[in-house]
Amino acid sequence: MSFFLSIVGLARTLLWIVAIYFIVKILSRLLAPFLLRFAAKKMEQRFGGQFNNRNPYQNTNQKEGETVIDKMPSNTNNSNKNVGEYIDYEEID
């Protein structure tokens, strides 16, 4: 008798699992377009905000195409002239 009850319980559990699976599958097909549209709008807002404020430190009074140098390079030459001796060579055939 207990064997029969365990089979019925197993069948009922499997039936619930299959029913829940199909309900989730149907609901996901119905709700997926709305969720994807919502996610796409959120990503568009996030990325659009980044492109609208590309350079907040940009000088607004400069003309388009004008080159602006913020920092001049230093003229100090840090290379050592006494590194070694240069030897000219010829290839021998």
N, C-alpha and C. Protein backbone atom coordinates (compact mmCIF):
# COMPACT_ATOMS: atom_id res chain seq x y z
N MET A 1 0.80 -1.18 0.00
CA MET A 1 0.00 0.00 0.00
C MET A 1 0.86 1.26 0.00
N SER A 2 1.95 1.28 0.79
CA SER A 2 2.80 2.46 0.85
C SER A 2 3.55 2.64 -0.47
N PHE A 3 3.83 1.52 -1.18
CA PHE A 3 4.49 1.62 -2.47
C PHE A 3 3.59 2.34 -3.47
N PHE A 4 2.31 2.03 -3.46
CA PHE A 4 1.35 2.67 -4.36
C PHE A 4 1.22 4.16 -4.04
N LEU A 5 1.23 4.51 -2.75
CA LEU A 5 1.14 5.92 -2.35
C LEU A 5 2.38 6.70 -2.77
N SER A 6 3.54 6.07 -2.72
CA SER A 6 4.75 6.77 -3.11
C SER A 6 4.77 7.00 -4.63
N ILE A 7 4.21 6.07 -5.41
CA ILE A 7 4.15 6.25 -6.86
C ILE A 7 3.18 7.37 -7.19
N VAL A 8 2.04 7.43 -6.49
CA VAL A 8 1.07 8.49 -6.72
C VAL A 8 1.67 9.85 -6.35
N GLY A 9 2.38 9.88 -5.24
CA GLY A 9 3.03 11.13 -4.82
C GLY A 9 4.09 11.57 -5.82
N LEU A 10 4.85 10.62 -6.34
CA LEU A 10 5.87 10.93 -7.34
C LEU A 10 5.22 11.44 -8.62
N ALA A 11 4.15 10.78 -9.05
CA ALA A 11 3.45 11.21 -10.27
C ALA A 11 2.86 12.60 -10.08
N ARG A 12 2.28 12.88 -8.93
CA ARG A 12 1.71 14.20 -8.66
C ARG A 12 2.80 15.27 -8.67
N THR A 13 3.95 14.97 -8.07
CA THR A 13 5.08 15.92 -8.04
C THR A 13 5.59 16.20 -9.46
N LEU A 14 5.74 15.12 -10.24
CA LEU A 14 6.20 15.30 -11.62
C LEU A 14 5.18 16.09 -12.44
N LEU A 15 3.88 15.85 -12.21
CA LEU A 15 2.84 16.59 -12.91
C LEU A 15 2.91 18.09 -12.56
N TRP A 16 3.12 18.41 -11.28
CA TRP A 16 3.26 19.82 -10.89
C TRP A 16 4.49 20.46 -11.53
N ILE A 17 5.59 19.74 -11.56
CA ILE A 17 6.82 20.28 -12.16
C ILE A 17 6.61 20.57 -13.64
N VAL A 18 5.97 19.63 -14.36
CA VAL A 18 5.72 19.82 -15.79
C VAL A 18 4.74 20.98 -16.01
N ALA A 19 3.71 21.07 -15.18
CA ALA A 19 2.73 22.15 -15.31
C ALA A 19 3.38 23.52 -15.06
N ILE A 20 4.20 23.61 -14.03
CA ILE A 20 4.90 24.87 -13.74
C ILE A 20 5.85 25.23 -14.88
N TYR A 21 6.52 24.22 -15.43
CA TYR A 21 7.44 24.46 -16.55
C TYR A 21 6.69 25.07 -17.74
N PHE A 22 5.55 24.49 -18.10
CA PHE A 22 4.81 25.01 -19.25
C PHE A 22 4.19 26.38 -18.96
N ILE A 23 3.77 26.62 -17.74
CA ILE A 23 3.22 27.93 -17.39
C ILE A 23 4.31 29.00 -17.50
N VAL A 24 5.49 28.70 -16.99
CA VAL A 24 6.62 29.65 -17.08
C VAL A 24 7.01 29.86 -18.53
N LYS A 25 7.00 28.81 -19.32
CA LYS A 25 7.36 28.92 -20.74
C LYS A 25 6.37 29.82 -21.49
N ILE A 26 5.08 29.65 -21.23
CA ILE A 26 4.06 30.47 -21.90
C ILE A 26 4.15 31.92 -21.44
N LEU A 27 4.31 32.12 -20.13
CA LEU A 27 4.41 33.49 -19.62
C LEU A 27 5.66 34.20 -20.12
N SER A 28 6.75 33.46 -20.24
CA SER A 28 7.98 34.10 -20.73
C SER A 28 7.84 34.52 -22.20
N ARG A 29 7.11 33.75 -22.99
CA ARG A 29 6.88 34.15 -24.39
C ARG A 29 5.99 35.38 -24.46
N LEU A 30 5.06 35.51 -23.53
CA LEU A 30 4.19 36.68 -23.53
C LEU A 30 4.89 37.92 -22.97
N LEU A 31 5.72 37.75 -21.96
CA LEU A 31 6.33 38.88 -21.28
C LEU A 31 7.72 39.25 -21.81
N ALA A 32 8.35 38.38 -22.58
CA ALA A 32 9.71 38.64 -23.05
C ALA A 32 9.82 39.91 -23.89
N PRO A 33 8.92 40.19 -24.83
CA PRO A 33 9.06 41.43 -25.60
C PRO A 33 9.01 42.69 -24.72
N PHE A 34 8.14 42.69 -23.71
CA PHE A 34 8.06 43.85 -22.82
C PHE A 34 9.33 44.00 -21.99
N LEU A 35 9.85 42.88 -21.49
CA LEU A 35 11.07 42.94 -20.69
C LEU A 35 12.27 43.37 -21.54
N LEU A 36 12.37 42.86 -22.76
CA LEU A 36 13.48 43.25 -23.63
C LEU A 36 13.38 44.72 -24.03
N ARG A 37 12.18 45.19 -24.30
CA ARG A 37 12.00 46.59 -24.65
C ARG A 37 12.39 47.49 -23.47
N PHE A 38 12.01 47.09 -22.26
CA PHE A 38 12.37 47.86 -21.07
C PHE A 38 13.88 47.88 -20.87
N ALA A 39 14.53 46.71 -21.04
CA ALA A 39 15.98 46.65 -20.88
C ALA A 39 16.69 47.48 -21.95
N ALA A 40 16.19 47.47 -23.17
CA ALA A 40 16.80 48.24 -24.25
C ALA A 40 16.68 49.74 -23.97
N LYS A 41 15.53 50.19 -23.44
CA LYS A 41 15.37 51.61 -23.11
C LYS A 41 16.33 52.03 -22.01
N LYS A 42 16.48 51.18 -21.00
CA LYS A 42 17.38 51.50 -19.91
C LYS A 42 18.83 51.60 -20.40
N MET A 43 19.24 50.66 -21.26
CA MET A 43 20.59 50.70 -21.79
C MET A 43 20.79 51.91 -22.69
N GLU A 44 19.77 52.28 -23.46
CA GLU A 44 19.86 53.45 -24.32
C GLU A 44 20.01 54.72 -23.48
N GLN A 45 19.29 54.81 -22.38
CA GLN A 45 19.42 55.97 -21.50
C GLN A 45 20.81 56.02 -20.88
N ARG A 46 21.31 54.88 -20.45
CA ARG A 46 22.63 54.84 -19.80
C ARG A 46 23.73 55.22 -20.78
N PHE A 47 23.72 54.62 -21.98
CA PHE A 47 24.76 54.91 -22.95
C PHE A 47 24.57 56.27 -23.58
N GLY A 48 23.34 56.71 -23.77
CA GLY A 48 23.08 58.02 -24.33
C GLY A 48 23.57 59.12 -23.42
N GLY A 49 23.45 58.94 -22.13
CA GLY A 49 23.95 59.92 -21.17
C GLY A 49 25.46 60.04 -21.22
N GLN A 50 26.14 58.96 -21.49
CA GLN A 50 27.59 59.01 -21.59
C GLN A 50 28.03 59.76 -22.83
N PHE A 51 27.32 59.59 -23.94
CA PHE A 51 27.74 60.24 -25.17
C PHE A 51 27.34 61.71 -25.20
N ASN A 52 26.31 62.08 -24.48
CA ASN A 52 25.93 63.49 -24.43
C ASN A 52 26.94 64.31 -23.65
N ASN A 53 27.54 63.75 -22.65
CA ASN A 53 28.55 64.44 -21.83
C ASN A 53 29.92 63.85 -22.13
N ARG A 54 30.34 63.94 -23.38
CA ARG A 54 31.59 63.30 -23.77
C ARG A 54 32.79 63.88 -23.05
N ASN A 55 32.91 65.20 -23.03
CA ASN A 55 34.05 65.81 -22.37
C ASN A 55 33.55 66.99 -21.56
N PRO A 56 33.31 66.82 -20.27
CA PRO A 56 32.77 67.93 -19.48
C PRO A 56 33.78 69.06 -19.29
N TYR A 57 35.06 68.82 -19.53
CA TYR A 57 36.09 69.85 -19.36
C TYR A 57 36.39 70.58 -20.66
N GLN A 58 35.65 70.31 -21.68
CA GLN A 58 35.89 70.92 -22.99
C GLN A 58 35.56 72.40 -22.94
N ASN A 59 36.45 73.19 -23.52
CA ASN A 59 36.26 74.64 -23.55
C ASN A 59 35.20 74.95 -24.60
N THR A 60 34.15 75.66 -24.22
CA THR A 60 33.05 75.91 -25.14
C THR A 60 33.30 77.08 -26.05
N ASN A 61 34.30 77.94 -25.79
CA ASN A 61 34.52 79.11 -26.62
C ASN A 61 35.54 78.87 -27.73
N GLN A 62 35.98 77.67 -27.94
CA GLN A 62 36.92 77.41 -29.03
C GLN A 62 36.16 77.00 -30.28
N LYS A 63 36.73 77.30 -31.43
CA LYS A 63 36.10 76.99 -32.70
C LYS A 63 36.32 75.53 -33.05
N GLU A 64 35.45 75.01 -33.88
CA GLU A 64 35.57 73.63 -34.31
C GLU A 64 36.80 73.48 -35.20
N GLY A 65 37.61 72.48 -34.94
CA GLY A 65 38.82 72.22 -35.72
C GLY A 65 40.03 72.94 -35.17
N GLU A 66 39.88 73.77 -34.17
CA GLU A 66 41.00 74.51 -33.60
C GLU A 66 41.79 73.58 -32.67
N THR A 67 43.09 73.67 -32.74
CA THR A 67 43.95 72.84 -31.92
C THR A 67 44.34 73.59 -30.66
N VAL A 68 44.16 72.95 -29.52
CA VAL A 68 44.50 73.58 -28.25
C VAL A 68 45.49 72.67 -27.54
N ILE A 69 46.61 73.26 -27.11
CA ILE A 69 47.62 72.51 -26.37
C ILE A 69 47.51 72.92 -24.91
N ASP A 70 47.18 71.98 -24.06
CA ASP A 70 47.01 72.28 -22.64
C ASP A 70 48.34 72.38 -21.92
N LYS A 71 49.29 71.52 -22.28
CA LYS A 71 50.55 71.47 -21.56
C LYS A 71 51.68 71.39 -22.57
N MET A 72 52.62 72.26 -22.47
CA MET A 72 53.78 72.23 -23.36
C MET A 72 54.77 71.20 -22.83
N PRO A 73 55.38 70.44 -23.72
CA PRO A 73 56.37 69.47 -23.25
C PRO A 73 57.63 70.18 -22.75
N SER A 74 58.26 69.59 -21.76
CA SER A 74 59.48 70.20 -21.22
C SER A 74 60.62 69.99 -22.21
N ASN A 75 61.54 70.91 -22.23
CA ASN A 75 62.66 70.86 -23.17
C ASN A 75 63.89 70.21 -22.56
N THR A 76 63.78 69.65 -21.40
CA THR A 76 64.94 69.00 -20.79
C THR A 76 65.21 67.69 -21.49
N ASN A 77 66.45 67.49 -21.84
CA ASN A 77 66.86 66.26 -22.51
C ASN A 77 67.48 65.35 -21.47
N ASN A 78 66.85 64.26 -21.17
CA ASN A 78 67.30 63.38 -20.10
C ASN A 78 68.20 62.26 -20.60
N SER A 79 68.53 62.24 -21.89
CA SER A 79 69.35 61.14 -22.39
C SER A 79 70.81 61.38 -22.04
N ASN A 80 71.54 60.30 -21.85
CA ASN A 80 72.95 60.35 -21.50
C ASN A 80 73.76 60.22 -22.78
N LYS A 81 74.63 61.21 -23.06
CA LYS A 81 75.43 61.19 -24.29
C LYS A 81 76.58 60.19 -24.19
N ASN A 82 76.99 59.81 -23.03
CA ASN A 82 78.12 58.89 -22.85
C ASN A 82 77.64 57.47 -22.64
N VAL A 83 76.76 57.01 -23.50
CA VAL A 83 76.21 55.69 -23.34
C VAL A 83 77.20 54.64 -23.83
N GLY A 84 77.86 54.92 -24.90
CA GLY A 84 78.81 53.94 -25.44
C GLY A 84 79.38 54.45 -26.74
N GLU A 85 80.14 53.60 -27.39
CA GLU A 85 80.80 53.97 -28.64
C GLU A 85 80.06 53.33 -29.79
N TYR A 86 79.82 54.12 -30.83
CA TYR A 86 79.14 53.61 -32.01
C TYR A 86 80.19 53.01 -32.93
N ILE A 87 79.96 51.76 -33.35
CA ILE A 87 80.90 51.07 -34.23
C ILE A 87 80.19 50.80 -35.54
N ASP A 88 80.75 51.35 -36.61
CA ASP A 88 80.23 51.12 -37.95
C ASP A 88 80.73 49.75 -38.41
N TYR A 89 79.89 48.99 -39.07
CA TYR A 89 80.29 47.66 -39.49
C TYR A 89 79.91 47.45 -40.95
N GLU A 90 80.61 46.50 -41.56
CA GLU A 90 80.31 46.11 -42.94
C GLU A 90 80.05 44.62 -42.93
N GLU A 91 79.11 44.23 -43.80
CA GLU A 91 78.84 42.79 -43.91
C GLU A 91 79.93 42.14 -44.73
N ILE A 92 80.32 40.97 -44.32
CA ILE A 92 81.35 40.20 -45.03
C ILE A 92 80.65 39.06 -45.76
N ASP A 93 80.87 38.99 -47.08
CA ASP A 93 80.23 37.93 -47.87
C ASP A 93 80.98 36.64 -47.77
